[in-house]
Amino acid sequence: MDKAVFLVELEDILQREEPCAENDNLEDYEEWDSLSKMAIMAYYDKNFGVKLSLNDLKNVSTVSDLIKLAGNGVQ
């Protein structure tokens, strides 16, 4: 998946009005809460075959970190 496509899909998952950028800090997003984290976990499982836990997401601070968690799934 292309990074630009991932960023648009992340926007949709988080239900953000503003675009997401790689260097954005997730804690700055009002939408970054436990429900959005659960949605991210389901998205990664479905689209990348990556099973994330809430513990995995504790170590994530930026959108770029989320991209890294997708492994080769996002280029």
PDB file of N, CA and C in Angstrom:
ATOM      1  N   MET A   1       0.845  -1.178   0.000  1.00  0.00           N
ATOM      2  CA  MET A   1       0.000   0.000   0.000  1.00  0.00           C
ATOM      3  C   MET A   1       0.887   1.237   0.000  1.00  0.00           C
ATOM      4  N   ASP A   2       0.515   2.192  -0.778  1.00  0.00           N
ATOM      5  CA  ASP A   2       1.220   3.459  -0.864  1.00  0.00           C
ATOM      6  C   ASP A   2       0.994   4.271   0.417  1.00  0.00           C
ATOM      7  N   LYS A   3       2.012   5.021   0.860  1.00  0.00           N
ATOM      8  CA  LYS A   3       1.890   5.827   2.084  1.00  0.00           C
ATOM      9  C   LYS A   3       0.734   6.813   1.999  1.00  0.00           C
ATOM     10  N   ALA A   4       0.551   7.418   0.832  1.00  0.00           N
ATOM     11  CA  ALA A   4      -0.526   8.407   0.674  1.00  0.00           C
ATOM     12  C   ALA A   4      -1.885   7.762   0.890  1.00  0.00           C
ATOM     13  N   VAL A   5      -2.060   6.544   0.390  1.00  0.00           N
ATOM     14  CA  VAL A   5      -3.319   5.813   0.577  1.00  0.00           C
ATOM     15  C   VAL A   5      -3.497   5.484   2.055  1.00  0.00           C
ATOM     16  N   PHE A   6      -2.417   5.034   2.701  1.00  0.00           N
ATOM     17  CA  PHE A   6      -2.480   4.722   4.133  1.00  0.00           C
ATOM     18  C   PHE A   6      -2.899   5.955   4.936  1.00  0.00           C
ATOM     19  N   LEU A   7      -2.313   7.100   4.619  1.00  0.00           N
ATOM     20  CA  LEU A   7      -2.636   8.324   5.368  1.00  0.00           C
ATOM     21  C   LEU A   7      -4.098   8.709   5.213  1.00  0.00           C
ATOM     22  N   VAL A   8      -4.641   8.542   4.025  1.00  0.00           N
ATOM     23  CA  VAL A   8      -6.061   8.836   3.800  1.00  0.00           C
ATOM     24  C   VAL A   8      -6.930   7.842   4.578  1.00  0.00           C
ATOM     25  N   GLU A   9      -6.554   6.568   4.568  1.00  0.00           N
ATOM     26  CA  GLU A   9      -7.323   5.567   5.309  1.00  0.00           C
ATOM     27  C   GLU A   9      -7.222   5.792   6.813  1.00  0.00           C
ATOM     28  N   LEU A  10      -6.053   6.221   7.288  1.00  0.00           N
ATOM     29  CA  LEU A  10      -5.890   6.534   8.706  1.00  0.00           C
ATOM     30  C   LEU A  10      -6.805   7.690   9.098  1.00  0.00           C
ATOM     31  N   GLU A  11      -6.866   8.694   8.236  1.00  0.00           N
ATOM     32  CA  GLU A  11      -7.778   9.823   8.443  1.00  0.00           C
ATOM     33  C   GLU A  11      -9.210   9.338   8.631  1.00  0.00           C
ATOM     34  N   ASP A  12      -9.595   8.400   7.770  1.00  0.00           N
ATOM     35  CA  ASP A  12     -10.944   7.844   7.818  1.00  0.00           C
ATOM     36  C   ASP A  12     -11.171   7.044   9.108  1.00  0.00           C
ATOM     37  N   ILE A  13     -10.214   6.217   9.471  1.00  0.00           N
ATOM     38  CA  ILE A  13     -10.336   5.405  10.691  1.00  0.00           C
ATOM     39  C   ILE A  13     -10.492   6.307  11.908  1.00  0.00           C
ATOM     40  N   LEU A  14      -9.684   7.354  11.951  1.00  0.00           N
ATOM     41  CA  LEU A  14      -9.713   8.268  13.103  1.00  0.00           C
ATOM     42  C   LEU A  14     -10.842   9.293  13.021  1.00  0.00           C
ATOM     43  N   GLN A  15     -11.527   9.329  11.877  1.00  0.00           N
ATOM     44  CA  GLN A  15     -12.606  10.279  11.631  1.00  0.00           C
ATOM     45  C   GLN A  15     -12.129  11.722  11.827  1.00  0.00           C
ATOM     46  N   ARG A  16     -10.971  11.991  11.209  1.00  0.00           N
ATOM     47  CA  ARG A  16     -10.377  13.328  11.284  1.00  0.00           C
ATOM     48  C   ARG A  16     -10.848  14.202  10.131  1.00  0.00           C
ATOM     49  N   GLU A  17     -10.984  15.487  10.411  1.00  0.00           N
ATOM     50  CA  GLU A  17     -11.310  16.468   9.379  1.00  0.00           C
ATOM     51  C   GLU A  17     -10.033  16.908   8.660  1.00  0.00           C
ATOM     52  N   GLU A  18      -8.933  16.986   9.395  1.00  0.00           N
ATOM     53  CA  GLU A  18      -7.657  17.423   8.841  1.00  0.00           C
ATOM     54  C   GLU A  18      -6.862  16.220   8.336  1.00  0.00           C
ATOM     55  N   PRO A  19      -5.978  16.449   7.356  1.00  0.00           N
ATOM     56  CA  PRO A  19      -5.156  15.348   6.853  1.00  0.00           C
ATOM     57  C   PRO A  19      -4.120  14.893   7.881  1.00  0.00           C
ATOM     58  N   CYS A  20      -3.735  13.647   7.779  1.00  0.00           N
ATOM     59  CA  CYS A  20      -2.681  13.082   8.623  1.00  0.00           C
ATOM     60  C   CYS A  20      -1.356  13.208   7.886  1.00  0.00           C
ATOM     61  N   ALA A  21      -0.285  13.464   8.628  1.00  0.00           N
ATOM     62  CA  ALA A  21       1.059  13.534   8.059  1.00  0.00           C
ATOM     63  C   ALA A  21       1.975  12.614   8.858  1.00  0.00           C
ATOM     64  N   GLU A  22       3.010  12.115   8.193  1.00  0.00           N
ATOM     65  CA  GLU A  22       3.916  11.149   8.825  1.00  0.00           C
ATOM     66  C   GLU A  22       4.526  11.642  10.126  1.00  0.00           C
ATOM     67  N   ASN A  23       4.863  12.910  10.207  1.00  0.00           N
ATOM     68  CA  ASN A  23       5.545  13.421  11.392  1.00  0.00           C
ATOM     69  C   ASN A  23       4.590  13.908  12.479  1.00  0.00           C
ATOM     70  N   ASP A  24       3.286  13.734  12.290  1.00  0.00           N
ATOM     71  CA  ASP A  24       2.312  14.143  13.309  1.00  0.00           C
ATOM     72  C   ASP A  24       2.452  13.280  14.560  1.00  0.00           C
ATOM     73  N   ASN A  25       2.330  13.924  15.712  1.00  0.00           N
ATOM     74  CA  ASN A  25       2.317  13.217  16.990  1.00  0.00           C
ATOM     75  C   ASN A  25       0.879  12.782  17.261  1.00  0.00           C
ATOM     76  N   LEU A  26       0.672  11.507  17.479  1.00  0.00           N
ATOM     77  CA  LEU A  26      -0.685  10.983  17.672  1.00  0.00           C
ATOM     78  C   LEU A  26      -1.363  11.550  18.911  1.00  0.00           C
ATOM     79  N   GLU A  27      -0.594  11.866  19.927  1.00  0.00           N
ATOM     80  CA  GLU A  27      -1.180  12.439  21.145  1.00  0.00           C
ATOM     81  C   GLU A  27      -1.779  13.826  20.885  1.00  0.00           C
ATOM     82  N   ASP A  28      -1.357  14.462  19.795  1.00  0.00           N
ATOM     83  CA  ASP A  28      -1.921  15.768  19.428  1.00  0.00           C
ATOM     84  C   ASP A  28      -3.286  15.625  18.763  1.00  0.00           C
ATOM     85  N   TYR A  29      -3.638  14.398  18.368  1.00  0.00           N
ATOM     86  CA  TYR A  29      -4.932  14.144  17.732  1.00  0.00           C
ATOM     87  C   TYR A  29      -5.990  13.944  18.807  1.00  0.00           C
ATOM     88  N   GLU A  30      -7.001  14.766  18.764  1.00  0.00           N
ATOM     89  CA  GLU A  30      -8.130  14.615  19.678  1.00  0.00           C
ATOM     90  C   GLU A  30      -8.779  13.238  19.505  1.00  0.00           C
ATOM     91  N   GLU A  31      -8.719  12.716  18.285  1.00  0.00           N
ATOM     92  CA  GLU A  31      -9.384  11.451  17.951  1.00  0.00           C
ATOM     93  C   GLU A  31      -8.597  10.220  18.404  1.00  0.00           C
ATOM     94  N   TRP A  32      -7.364  10.372  18.869  1.00  0.00           N
ATOM     95  CA  TRP A  32      -6.526   9.240  19.273  1.00  0.00           C
ATOM     96  C   TRP A  32      -6.943   8.797  20.676  1.00  0.00           C
ATOM     97  N   ASP A  33      -7.874   7.836  20.712  1.00  0.00           N
ATOM     98  CA  ASP A  33      -8.386   7.335  21.981  1.00  0.00           C
ATOM     99  C   ASP A  33      -8.461   5.814  21.922  1.00  0.00           C
ATOM    100  N   SER A  34      -9.020   5.208  22.950  1.00  0.00           N
ATOM    101  CA  SER A  34      -9.056   3.743  23.011  1.00  0.00           C
ATOM    102  C   SER A  34      -9.884   3.130  21.880  1.00  0.00           C
ATOM    103  N   LEU A  35     -10.959   3.786  21.475  1.00  0.00           N
ATOM    104  CA  LEU A  35     -11.770   3.256  20.374  1.00  0.00           C
ATOM    105  C   LEU A  35     -11.014   3.306  19.052  1.00  0.00           C
ATOM    106  N   SER A  36     -10.295   4.386  18.820  1.00  0.00           N
ATOM    107  CA  SER A  36      -9.534   4.476  17.573  1.00  0.00           C
ATOM    108  C   SER A  36      -8.385   3.466  17.582  1.00  0.00           C
ATOM    109  N   LYS A  37      -7.822   3.200  18.736  1.00  0.00           N
ATOM    110  CA  LYS A  37      -6.750   2.199  18.833  1.00  0.00           C
ATOM    111  C   LYS A  37      -7.297   0.805  18.504  1.00  0.00           C
ATOM    112  N   MET A  38      -8.494   0.520  18.964  1.00  0.00           N
ATOM    113  CA  MET A  38      -9.120  -0.776  18.634  1.00  0.00           C
ATOM    114  C   MET A  38      -9.385  -0.860  17.130  1.00  0.00           C
ATOM    115  N   ALA A  39      -9.811   0.240  16.528  1.00  0.00           N
ATOM    116  CA  ALA A  39     -10.060   0.269  15.081  1.00  0.00           C
ATOM    117  C   ALA A  39      -8.750   0.072  14.313  1.00  0.00           C
ATOM    118  N   ILE A  40      -7.666   0.671  14.790  1.00  0.00           N
ATOM    119  CA  ILE A  40      -6.348   0.491  14.166  1.00  0.00           C
ATOM    120  C   ILE A  40      -5.926  -0.973  14.248  1.00  0.00           C
ATOM    121  N   MET A  41      -6.146  -1.592  15.396  1.00  0.00           N
ATOM    122  CA  MET A  41      -5.784  -3.004  15.570  1.00  0.00           C
ATOM    123  C   MET A  41      -6.541  -3.877  14.562  1.00  0.00           C
ATOM    124  N   ALA A  42      -7.819  -3.631  14.388  1.00  0.00           N
ATOM    125  CA  ALA A  42      -8.631  -4.403  13.433  1.00  0.00           C
ATOM    126  C   ALA A  42      -8.169  -4.130  12.007  1.00  0.00           C
ATOM    127  N   TYR A  43      -7.852  -2.885  11.695  1.00  0.00           N
ATOM    128  CA  TYR A  43      -7.392  -2.501  10.360  1.00  0.00           C
ATOM    129  C   TYR A  43      -6.076  -3.211  10.011  1.00  0.00           C
ATOM    130  N   TYR A  44      -5.141  -3.235  10.935  1.00  0.00           N
ATOM    131  CA  TYR A  44      -3.848  -3.878  10.697  1.00  0.00           C
ATOM    132  C   TYR A  44      -4.004  -5.383  10.516  1.00  0.00           C
ATOM    133  N   ASP A  45      -4.882  -5.981  11.296  1.00  0.00           N
ATOM    134  CA  ASP A  45      -5.123  -7.413  11.169  1.00  0.00           C
ATOM    135  C   ASP A  45      -5.707  -7.730   9.793  1.00  0.00           C
ATOM    136  N   LYS A  46      -6.696  -6.958   9.384  1.00  0.00           N
ATOM    137  CA  LYS A  46      -7.378  -7.202   8.111  1.00  0.00           C
ATOM    138  C   LYS A  46      -6.503  -6.887   6.901  1.00  0.00           C
ATOM    139  N   ASN A  47      -5.810  -5.757   6.927  1.00  0.00           N
ATOM    140  CA  ASN A  47      -5.084  -5.284   5.747  1.00  0.00           C
ATOM    141  C   ASN A  47      -3.627  -5.734   5.653  1.00  0.00           C
ATOM    142  N   PHE A  48      -2.992  -5.992   6.796  1.00  0.00           N
ATOM    143  CA  PHE A  48      -1.573  -6.336   6.779  1.00  0.00           C
ATOM    144  C   PHE A  48      -1.270  -7.693   7.417  1.00  0.00           C
ATOM    145  N   GLY A  49      -2.283  -8.321   8.012  1.00  0.00           N
ATOM    146  CA  GLY A  49      -2.050  -9.580   8.701  1.00  0.00           C
ATOM    147  C   GLY A  49      -1.201  -9.415   9.950  1.00  0.00           C
ATOM    148  N   VAL A  50      -1.211  -8.215  10.512  1.00  0.00           N
ATOM    149  CA  VAL A  50      -0.425  -7.895  11.703  1.00  0.00           C
ATOM    150  C   VAL A  50      -1.371  -7.794  12.890  1.00  0.00           C
ATOM    151  N   LYS A  51      -1.145  -8.625  13.884  1.00  0.00           N
ATOM    152  CA  LYS A  51      -1.974  -8.605  15.087  1.00  0.00           C
ATOM    153  C   LYS A  51      -1.294  -7.718  16.129  1.00  0.00           C
ATOM    154  N   LEU A  52      -1.895  -6.566  16.371  1.00  0.00           N
ATOM    155  CA  LEU A  52      -1.375  -5.619  17.350  1.00  0.00           C
ATOM    156  C   LEU A  52      -2.140  -5.758  18.657  1.00  0.00           C
ATOM    157  N   SER A  53      -1.472  -5.398  19.734  1.00  0.00           N
ATOM    158  CA  SER A  53      -2.135  -5.331  21.036  1.00  0.00           C
ATOM    159  C   SER A  53      -2.121  -3.868  21.491  1.00  0.00           C
ATOM    160  N   LEU A  54      -2.906  -3.578  22.498  1.00  0.00           N
ATOM    161  CA  LEU A  54      -2.882  -2.214  23.044  1.00  0.00           C
ATOM    162  C   LEU A  54      -1.489  -1.899  23.568  1.00  0.00           C
ATOM    163  N   ASN A  55      -0.793  -2.927  24.050  1.00  0.00           N
ATOM    164  CA  ASN A  55       0.574  -2.741  24.529  1.00  0.00           C
ATOM    165  C   ASN A  55       1.496  -2.287  23.393  1.00  0.00           C
ATOM    166  N   ASP A  56       1.309  -2.860  22.192  1.00  0.00           N
ATOM    167  CA  ASP A  56       2.099  -2.442  21.029  1.00  0.00           C
ATOM    168  C   ASP A  56       1.871  -0.963  20.735  1.00  0.00           C
ATOM    169  N   LEU A  57       0.648  -0.522  20.888  1.00  0.00           N
ATOM    170  CA  LEU A  57       0.313   0.868  20.561  1.00  0.00           C
ATOM    171  C   LEU A  57       0.797   1.854  21.622  1.00  0.00           C
ATOM    172  N   LYS A  58       1.152   1.362  22.804  1.00  0.00           N
ATOM    173  CA  LYS A  58       1.702   2.252  23.837  1.00  0.00           C
ATOM    174  C   LYS A  58       3.053   2.809  23.412  1.00  0.00           C
ATOM    175  N   ASN A  59       3.776   2.046  22.568  1.00  0.00           N
ATOM    176  CA  ASN A  59       5.101   2.468  22.115  1.00  0.00           C
ATOM    177  C   ASN A  59       5.051   3.319  20.856  1.00  0.00           C
ATOM    178  N   VAL A  60       3.859   3.607  20.372  1.00  0.00           N
ATOM    179  CA  VAL A  60       3.674   4.386  19.151  1.00  0.00           C
ATOM    180  C   VAL A  60       3.395   5.836  19.527  1.00  0.00           C
ATOM    181  N   SER A  61       4.170   6.754  18.940  1.00  0.00           N
ATOM    182  CA  SER A  61       3.907   8.157  19.261  1.00  0.00           C
ATOM    183  C   SER A  61       3.608   8.997  18.018  1.00  0.00           C
ATOM    184  N   THR A  62       4.069   8.546  16.838  1.00  0.00           N
ATOM    185  CA  THR A  62       3.836   9.324  15.627  1.00  0.00           C
ATOM    186  C   THR A  62       3.146   8.471  14.560  1.00  0.00           C
ATOM    187  N   VAL A  63       2.639   9.144  13.547  1.00  0.00           N
ATOM    188  CA  VAL A  63       2.047   8.434  12.413  1.00  0.00           C
ATOM    189  C   VAL A  63       3.115   7.570  11.747  1.00  0.00           C
ATOM    190  N   SER A  64       4.335   8.057  11.706  1.00  0.00           N
ATOM    191  CA  SER A  64       5.449   7.297  11.131  1.00  0.00           C
ATOM    192  C   SER A  64       5.651   5.977  11.882  1.00  0.00           C
ATOM    193  N   ASP A  65       5.477   6.002  13.193  1.00  0.00           N
ATOM    194  CA  ASP A  65       5.579   4.768  13.986  1.00  0.00           C
ATOM    195  C   ASP A  65       4.500   3.771  13.566  1.00  0.00           C
ATOM    196  N   LEU A  66       3.304   4.270  13.285  1.00  0.00           N
ATOM    197  CA  LEU A  66       2.229   3.393  12.806  1.00  0.00           C
ATOM    198  C   LEU A  66       2.596   2.771  11.466  1.00  0.00           C
ATOM    199  N   ILE A  67       3.208   3.565  10.598  1.00  0.00           N
ATOM    200  CA  ILE A  67       3.624   3.061   9.292  1.00  0.00           C
ATOM    201  C   ILE A  67       4.650   1.937   9.470  1.00  0.00           C
ATOM    202  N   LYS A  68       5.585   2.121  10.388  1.00  0.00           N
ATOM    203  CA  LYS A  68       6.611   1.095  10.642  1.00  0.00           C
ATOM    204  C   LYS A  68       5.983  -0.210  11.127  1.00  0.00           C
ATOM    205  N   LEU A  69       4.907  -0.112  11.909  1.00  0.00           N
ATOM    206  CA  LEU A  69       4.245  -1.316  12.423  1.00  0.00           C
ATOM    207  C   LEU A  69       3.621  -2.157  11.305  1.00  0.00           C
ATOM    208  N   ALA A  70       3.362  -1.524  10.183  1.00  0.00           N
ATOM    209  CA  ALA A  70       2.773  -2.256   9.044  1.00  0.00           C
ATOM    210  C   ALA A  70       3.827  -3.068   8.305  1.00  0.00           C
ATOM    211  N   GLY A  71       5.082  -2.911   8.684  1.00  0.00           N
ATOM    212  CA  GLY A  71       6.158  -3.660   8.016  1.00  0.00           C
ATOM    213  C   GLY A  71       6.254  -3.260   6.558  1.00  0.00           C
ATOM    214  N   ASN A  72       6.271  -4.244   5.676  1.00  0.00           N
ATOM    215  CA  ASN A  72       6.347  -3.969   4.242  1.00  0.00           C
ATOM    216  C   ASN A  72       4.988  -3.645   3.650  1.00  0.00           C
ATOM    217  N   GLY A  73       3.957  -3.596   4.487  1.00  0.00           N
ATOM    218  CA  GLY A  73       2.601  -3.332   4.010  1.00  0.00           C
ATOM    219  C   GLY A  73       2.383  -1.931   3.506  1.00  0.00           C
ATOM    220  N   VAL A  74       3.212  -0.993   3.980  1.00  0.00           N
ATOM    221  CA  VAL A  74       3.103   0.406   3.541  1.00  0.00           C
ATOM    222  C   VAL A  74       4.464   0.812   2.995  1.00  0.00           C
ATOM    223  N   GLN A  75       4.466   1.283   1.753  1.00  0.00           N
ATOM    224  CA  GLN A  75       5.720   1.653   1.086  1.00  0.00           C
ATOM    225  C   GLN A  75       5.753   3.146   0.808  1.00  0.00           C
TER     226      GLN A  75
END
